[in-house]
Amino acid sequence: MTIPITFEFNGKIYVGELSHVSGSGNSTMFHLYINRFYYGRLRYSVFADGWVFDTNAGSVGWEVLAEHFGYHVIAWYHCL
């Protein structure tokens, strides 16, 4: 399952997709791809009390977008 996403960060507009990671044992894990480039992993953590975005080396500072990405996933599920 793939969820399309468009967002603005640091004055730039990004268009990409959150791809559900099946078989991970976690139904709330997604990979963020923009132009087929992997930017990081979005997951829901009860220990962190919310959404967590683990970035790759090229997407420094993107951790602050975790809640925004998480709300986007929830909204997309509600529209199904």
C-alpha atoms as a PDB file:
ATOM      1  CA  MET A   1       0.000   0.000   0.000  1.00  0.00           C
ATOM      2  CA  THR A   2       1.290   3.425  -0.923  1.00  0.00           C
ATOM      3  CA  ILE A   3       0.053   6.768   0.415  1.00  0.00           C
ATOM      4  CA  PRO A   4       0.806   9.837  -1.736  1.00  0.00           C
ATOM      5  CA  ILE A   5       2.070  12.847   0.201  1.00  0.00           C
ATOM      6  CA  THR A   6       2.898  16.471  -0.627  1.00  0.00           C
ATOM      7  CA  PHE A   7       4.449  18.742   1.989  1.00  0.00           C
ATOM      8  CA  GLU A   8       6.611  21.819   2.446  1.00  0.00           C
ATOM      9  CA  PHE A   9       9.836  21.784   4.427  1.00  0.00           C
ATOM     10  CA  ASN A  10      12.408  24.584   4.674  1.00  0.00           C
ATOM     11  CA  GLY A  11      10.721  26.521   1.871  1.00  0.00           C
ATOM     12  CA  LYS A  12      10.718  23.634  -0.606  1.00  0.00           C
ATOM     13  CA  ILE A  13       7.719  21.563  -1.730  1.00  0.00           C
ATOM     14  CA  TYR A  14       8.202  17.797  -1.791  1.00  0.00           C
ATOM     15  CA  VAL A  15       6.009  15.228  -3.544  1.00  0.00           C
ATOM     16  CA  GLY A  16       6.481  11.614  -2.573  1.00  0.00           C
ATOM     17  CA  GLU A  17       4.897   8.566  -1.061  1.00  0.00           C
ATOM     18  CA  LEU A  18       4.737   6.710   2.217  1.00  0.00           C
ATOM     19  CA  SER A  19       5.070   3.010   1.458  1.00  0.00           C
ATOM     20  CA  HIS A  20       3.695   0.544   4.024  1.00  0.00           C
ATOM     21  CA  VAL A  21       6.288  -1.981   5.181  1.00  0.00           C
ATOM     22  CA  SER A  22       4.476  -5.311   5.257  1.00  0.00           C
ATOM     23  CA  GLY A  23       5.821  -8.258   7.182  1.00  0.00           C
ATOM     24  CA  SER A  24       7.591  -6.016   9.675  1.00  0.00           C
ATOM     25  CA  GLY A  25       5.393  -7.190  12.541  1.00  0.00           C
ATOM     26  CA  ASN A  26       4.248  -3.610  12.882  1.00  0.00           C
ATOM     27  CA  SER A  27       1.211  -2.331  11.009  1.00  0.00           C
ATOM     28  CA  THR A  28       2.275   1.276  11.517  1.00  0.00           C
ATOM     29  CA  MET A  29       5.626   1.319   9.730  1.00  0.00           C
ATOM     30  CA  PHE A  30       6.148   3.222   6.479  1.00  0.00           C
ATOM     31  CA  HIS A  31       9.104   4.226   4.318  1.00  0.00           C
ATOM     32  CA  LEU A  32       9.168   7.737   2.826  1.00  0.00           C
ATOM     33  CA  TYR A  33      10.282   7.919  -0.811  1.00  0.00           C
ATOM     34  CA  ILE A  34      10.698  11.108  -2.828  1.00  0.00           C
ATOM     35  CA  ASN A  35      11.676  10.634  -6.481  1.00  0.00           C
ATOM     36  CA  ARG A  36      12.422   6.985  -5.672  1.00  0.00           C
ATOM     37  CA  PHE A  37      14.967   8.057  -3.043  1.00  0.00           C
ATOM     38  CA  TYR A  38      14.570   6.680   0.495  1.00  0.00           C
ATOM     39  CA  TYR A  39      14.358   9.490   3.069  1.00  0.00           C
ATOM     40  CA  GLY A  40      13.552   7.509   6.204  1.00  0.00           C
ATOM     41  CA  ARG A  41      11.202   5.327   8.216  1.00  0.00           C
ATOM     42  CA  LEU A  42       7.981   6.470   9.865  1.00  0.00           C
ATOM     43  CA  ARG A  43       6.647   4.366  12.729  1.00  0.00           C
ATOM     44  CA  TYR A  44       4.296   4.683  15.661  1.00  0.00           C
ATOM     45  CA  SER A  45       5.921   4.022  19.024  1.00  0.00           C
ATOM     46  CA  VAL A  46       4.119   3.641  22.327  1.00  0.00           C
ATOM     47  CA  PHE A  47       7.463   4.173  24.066  1.00  0.00           C
ATOM     48  CA  ALA A  48       8.060   7.506  22.349  1.00  0.00           C
ATOM     49  CA  ASP A  49       4.348   8.276  22.811  1.00  0.00           C
ATOM     50  CA  GLY A  50       3.680   9.033  19.181  1.00  0.00           C
ATOM     51  CA  TRP A  51       5.039   9.037  15.672  1.00  0.00           C
ATOM     52  CA  VAL A  52       8.804   8.751  15.125  1.00  0.00           C
ATOM     53  CA  PHE A  53      10.653   9.458  11.882  1.00  0.00           C
ATOM     54  CA  ASP A  54      14.070   7.802  11.620  1.00  0.00           C
ATOM     55  CA  THR A  55      15.949   9.622   8.872  1.00  0.00           C
ATOM     56  CA  ASN A  56      18.714   8.496   6.589  1.00  0.00           C
ATOM     57  CA  ALA A  57      21.978  10.430   6.481  1.00  0.00           C
ATOM     58  CA  GLY A  58      20.768  12.749   3.704  1.00  0.00           C
ATOM     59  CA  SER A  59      17.629  13.993   5.439  1.00  0.00           C
ATOM     60  CA  VAL A  60      18.975  15.771   8.509  1.00  0.00           C
ATOM     61  CA  GLY A  61      16.373  17.662  10.543  1.00  0.00           C
ATOM     62  CA  TRP A  62      13.364  15.848   9.107  1.00  0.00           C
ATOM     63  CA  GLU A  63      12.557  14.252  12.493  1.00  0.00           C
ATOM     64  CA  VAL A  64      10.332  17.255  13.277  1.00  0.00           C
ATOM     65  CA  LEU A  65       7.934  16.114  10.525  1.00  0.00           C
ATOM     66  CA  ALA A  66       7.019  12.827  12.273  1.00  0.00           C
ATOM     67  CA  GLU A  67       3.664  14.010  13.638  1.00  0.00           C
ATOM     68  CA  HIS A  68       2.738  15.646  10.320  1.00  0.00           C
ATOM     69  CA  PHE A  69       3.464  12.413   8.443  1.00  0.00           C
ATOM     70  CA  GLY A  70       1.580  10.401  11.068  1.00  0.00           C
ATOM     71  CA  TYR A  71      -1.521  12.592  10.822  1.00  0.00           C
ATOM     72  CA  HIS A  72      -1.374  12.216   7.044  1.00  0.00           C
ATOM     73  CA  VAL A  73      -1.377   8.413   7.380  1.00  0.00           C
ATOM     74  CA  ILE A  74      -4.330   8.481   9.797  1.00  0.00           C
ATOM     75  CA  ALA A  75      -6.321  10.836   7.551  1.00  0.00           C
ATOM     76  CA  TRP A  76      -5.632   8.633   4.537  1.00  0.00           C
ATOM     77  CA  TYR A  77      -6.888   5.535   6.398  1.00  0.00           C
ATOM     78  CA  HIS A  78     -10.084   7.357   7.390  1.00  0.00           C
ATOM     79  CA  CYS A  79     -10.779   8.162   3.729  1.00  0.00           C
ATOM     80  CA  LEU A  80     -10.687   4.498   2.665  1.00  0.00           C
END
